[in-house]
């Protein structure tokens, strides 16, 4: 009988989500990196609503040669911080989505901090 294997990334994300939840006062900044794109959103988990988002599939953030790398992660982090600040969101909880806090994840988080978000 074959056992169902669980993706290690999903396991890490489930373990992380036990401890991290977004509230109206301090929403959750969730990030996801696919092979080609970067997605980031600010979520109020109590209401189940996305308050602000930015990703590389948007026309103004995508361009020729846009890839899921550190340089693009910085652009996404800054754009998300601007959009969150426009909706008067200053403090967030960072949800790295099971990804290791290094490289692209760290670059996005640092850019969001530079943009004015606190976490």
C-alpha atoms as a PDB file:
ATOM      1  CA  UNK A   1       0.000   0.000   0.000  1.00  0.00           C
ATOM      2  CA  UNK A   2       1.451   3.325  -1.084  1.00  0.00           C
ATOM      3  CA  UNK A   3       1.579   6.143   1.418  1.00  0.00           C
ATOM      4  CA  UNK A   4       0.742   9.656   0.400  1.00  0.00           C
ATOM      5  CA  UNK A   5       3.800  11.881   0.663  1.00  0.00           C
ATOM      6  CA  UNK A   6       3.342  15.481   1.733  1.00  0.00           C
ATOM      7  CA  UNK A   7       5.350  18.262   0.186  1.00  0.00           C
ATOM      8  CA  UNK A   8       7.963  19.524   2.709  1.00  0.00           C
ATOM      9  CA  UNK A   9       7.111  23.132   1.803  1.00  0.00           C
ATOM     10  CA  UNK A  10       3.460  22.549   2.700  1.00  0.00           C
ATOM     11  CA  UNK A  11       4.471  20.875   5.954  1.00  0.00           C
ATOM     12  CA  UNK A  12       6.625  23.850   6.949  1.00  0.00           C
ATOM     13  CA  UNK A  13       3.865  26.278   5.995  1.00  0.00           C
ATOM     14  CA  UNK A  14       1.263  24.377   8.050  1.00  0.00           C
ATOM     15  CA  UNK A  15       3.599  24.362  11.041  1.00  0.00           C
ATOM     16  CA  UNK A  16       4.189  28.106  10.643  1.00  0.00           C
ATOM     17  CA  UNK A  17       0.477  28.934  10.247  1.00  0.00           C
ATOM     18  CA  UNK A  18      -0.283  27.404  13.649  1.00  0.00           C
ATOM     19  CA  UNK A  19       1.572  30.338  15.175  1.00  0.00           C
ATOM     20  CA  UNK A  20       0.919  33.173  12.687  1.00  0.00           C
ATOM     21  CA  UNK A  21      -2.505  34.723  12.121  1.00  0.00           C
ATOM     22  CA  UNK A  22      -3.596  38.083  10.758  1.00  0.00           C
ATOM     23  CA  UNK A  23      -5.908  40.349  12.723  1.00  0.00           C
ATOM     24  CA  UNK A  24      -7.540  43.648  11.704  1.00  0.00           C
ATOM     25  CA  UNK A  25      -4.952  45.524  13.811  1.00  0.00           C
ATOM     26  CA  UNK A  26      -2.002  43.468  12.533  1.00  0.00           C
ATOM     27  CA  UNK A  27      -2.730  41.619   9.267  1.00  0.00           C
ATOM     28  CA  UNK A  28      -0.573  38.824   7.851  1.00  0.00           C
ATOM     29  CA  UNK A  29       1.874  39.542   5.020  1.00  0.00           C
ATOM     30  CA  UNK A  30       1.942  36.248   3.101  1.00  0.00           C
ATOM     31  CA  UNK A  31       4.480  35.524   0.356  1.00  0.00           C
ATOM     32  CA  UNK A  32       4.615  32.825  -2.294  1.00  0.00           C
ATOM     33  CA  UNK A  33       7.272  32.131  -4.893  1.00  0.00           C
ATOM     34  CA  UNK A  34       6.517  29.972  -7.902  1.00  0.00           C
ATOM     35  CA  UNK A  35       9.130  29.103 -10.498  1.00  0.00           C
ATOM     36  CA  UNK A  36       8.458  32.271 -12.492  1.00  0.00           C
ATOM     37  CA  UNK A  37       6.426  34.639 -10.318  1.00  0.00           C
ATOM     38  CA  UNK A  38       6.333  36.275  -6.902  1.00  0.00           C
ATOM     39  CA  UNK A  39       3.086  36.882  -5.026  1.00  0.00           C
ATOM     40  CA  UNK A  40       2.647  38.868  -1.807  1.00  0.00           C
ATOM     41  CA  UNK A  41      -0.522  39.896  -0.032  1.00  0.00           C
ATOM     42  CA  UNK A  42      -1.671  41.448   3.221  1.00  0.00           C
ATOM     43  CA  UNK A  43      -4.514  39.376   4.698  1.00  0.00           C
ATOM     44  CA  UNK A  44      -6.972  39.862   7.562  1.00  0.00           C
ATOM     45  CA  UNK A  45      -7.597  36.234   8.583  1.00  0.00           C
ATOM     46  CA  UNK A  46     -10.486  37.039  10.927  1.00  0.00           C
ATOM     47  CA  UNK A  47     -12.531  38.594   8.113  1.00  0.00           C
ATOM     48  CA  UNK A  48     -11.024  36.364   5.424  1.00  0.00           C
ATOM     49  CA  UNK A  49     -10.160  39.359   3.241  1.00  0.00           C
ATOM     50  CA  UNK A  50      -7.108  40.375   1.256  1.00  0.00           C
ATOM     51  CA  UNK A  51      -6.383  44.011   2.089  1.00  0.00           C
ATOM     52  CA  UNK A  52      -3.510  44.664  -0.341  1.00  0.00           C
ATOM     53  CA  UNK A  53      -1.551  42.606  -2.830  1.00  0.00           C
ATOM     54  CA  UNK A  54       1.265  42.788  -5.358  1.00  0.00           C
ATOM     55  CA  UNK A  55       2.600  40.198  -7.772  1.00  0.00           C
ATOM     56  CA  UNK A  56       4.679  39.898 -10.910  1.00  0.00           C
ATOM     57  CA  UNK A  57       1.689  39.000 -13.100  1.00  0.00           C
ATOM     58  CA  UNK A  58       0.361  42.582 -12.904  1.00  0.00           C
ATOM     59  CA  UNK A  59       1.016  44.753 -15.949  1.00  0.00           C
ATOM     60  CA  UNK A  60       2.755  47.568 -14.079  1.00  0.00           C
ATOM     61  CA  UNK A  61       5.045  45.185 -12.143  1.00  0.00           C
ATOM     62  CA  UNK A  62       5.785  42.723 -14.932  1.00  0.00           C
ATOM     63  CA  UNK A  63       8.080  43.451 -17.779  1.00  0.00           C
ATOM     64  CA  UNK A  64      10.326  41.816 -20.270  1.00  0.00           C
ATOM     65  CA  UNK A  65      12.726  39.577 -18.398  1.00  0.00           C
ATOM     66  CA  UNK A  66      10.797  39.656 -15.109  1.00  0.00           C
ATOM     67  CA  UNK A  67      11.777  36.593 -13.108  1.00  0.00           C
ATOM     68  CA  UNK A  68      11.412  35.342  -9.556  1.00  0.00           C
ATOM     69  CA  UNK A  69      14.738  36.686  -8.298  1.00  0.00           C
ATOM     70  CA  UNK A  70      15.993  39.004  -5.555  1.00  0.00           C
ATOM     71  CA  UNK A  71      15.750  42.124  -7.723  1.00  0.00           C
ATOM     72  CA  UNK A  72      12.093  41.463  -8.522  1.00  0.00           C
ATOM     73  CA  UNK A  73      11.355  40.556  -4.894  1.00  0.00           C
ATOM     74  CA  UNK A  74      12.553  44.023  -3.860  1.00  0.00           C
ATOM     75  CA  UNK A  75      10.162  45.653  -6.357  1.00  0.00           C
ATOM     76  CA  UNK A  76       7.242  43.565  -5.097  1.00  0.00           C
ATOM     77  CA  UNK A  77       8.082  44.366  -1.446  1.00  0.00           C
ATOM     78  CA  UNK A  78       8.174  48.110  -2.121  1.00  0.00           C
ATOM     79  CA  UNK A  79       4.962  48.034  -4.157  1.00  0.00           C
ATOM     80  CA  UNK A  80       3.141  46.072  -1.465  1.00  0.00           C
ATOM     81  CA  UNK A  81       4.339  48.453   1.257  1.00  0.00           C
ATOM     82  CA  UNK A  82       3.037  51.442  -0.738  1.00  0.00           C
ATOM     83  CA  UNK A  83      -0.357  49.811  -1.240  1.00  0.00           C
ATOM     84  CA  UNK A  84      -0.621  48.816   2.415  1.00  0.00           C
ATOM     85  CA  UNK A  85       0.364  52.316   3.581  1.00  0.00           C
ATOM     86  CA  UNK A  86      -2.312  53.777   1.279  1.00  0.00           C
ATOM     87  CA  UNK A  87      -4.874  51.731   3.233  1.00  0.00           C
ATOM     88  CA  UNK A  88      -3.299  52.894   6.529  1.00  0.00           C
ATOM     89  CA  UNK A  89      -1.749  49.529   7.398  1.00  0.00           C
ATOM     90  CA  UNK A  90       1.501  50.022   9.304  1.00  0.00           C
ATOM     91  CA  UNK A  91       2.061  46.824  11.282  1.00  0.00           C
ATOM     92  CA  UNK A  92       1.945  43.306   9.835  1.00  0.00           C
ATOM     93  CA  UNK A  93       2.893  39.757  10.787  1.00  0.00           C
ATOM     94  CA  UNK A  94       5.269  38.126   8.300  1.00  0.00           C
ATOM     95  CA  UNK A  95       4.272  34.723   6.890  1.00  0.00           C
ATOM     96  CA  UNK A  96       7.154  33.354   4.840  1.00  0.00           C
ATOM     97  CA  UNK A  97       4.942  30.580   3.471  1.00  0.00           C
ATOM     98  CA  UNK A  98       7.264  27.755   4.438  1.00  0.00           C
ATOM     99  CA  UNK A  99      10.137  29.251   2.459  1.00  0.00           C
ATOM    100  CA  UNK A 100      13.490  29.675   4.188  1.00  0.00           C
ATOM    101  CA  UNK A 101      14.160  33.273   5.306  1.00  0.00           C
ATOM    102  CA  UNK A 102      17.023  33.839   2.908  1.00  0.00           C
ATOM    103  CA  UNK A 103      17.558  35.364  -0.528  1.00  0.00           C
ATOM    104  CA  UNK A 104      14.268  36.371  -2.181  1.00  0.00           C
ATOM    105  CA  UNK A 105      12.215  36.084   1.008  1.00  0.00           C
ATOM    106  CA  UNK A 106      14.631  38.257   2.969  1.00  0.00           C
ATOM    107  CA  UNK A 107      14.862  40.790   0.107  1.00  0.00           C
ATOM    108  CA  UNK A 108      11.065  41.128  -0.071  1.00  0.00           C
ATOM    109  CA  UNK A 109      10.787  41.512   3.715  1.00  0.00           C
ATOM    110  CA  UNK A 110      13.557  44.125   3.861  1.00  0.00           C
ATOM    111  CA  UNK A 111      11.998  46.107   0.989  1.00  0.00           C
ATOM    112  CA  UNK A 112       8.620  46.066   2.745  1.00  0.00           C
ATOM    113  CA  UNK A 113      10.314  47.337   5.922  1.00  0.00           C
ATOM    114  CA  UNK A 114      12.015  50.109   3.939  1.00  0.00           C
ATOM    115  CA  UNK A 115       8.608  50.990   2.486  1.00  0.00           C
ATOM    116  CA  UNK A 116       7.304  51.624   6.005  1.00  0.00           C
ATOM    117  CA  UNK A 117       5.784  48.356   7.204  1.00  0.00           C
ATOM    118  CA  UNK A 118       6.616  47.193  10.725  1.00  0.00           C
ATOM    119  CA  UNK A 119       7.055  43.512  11.582  1.00  0.00           C
END
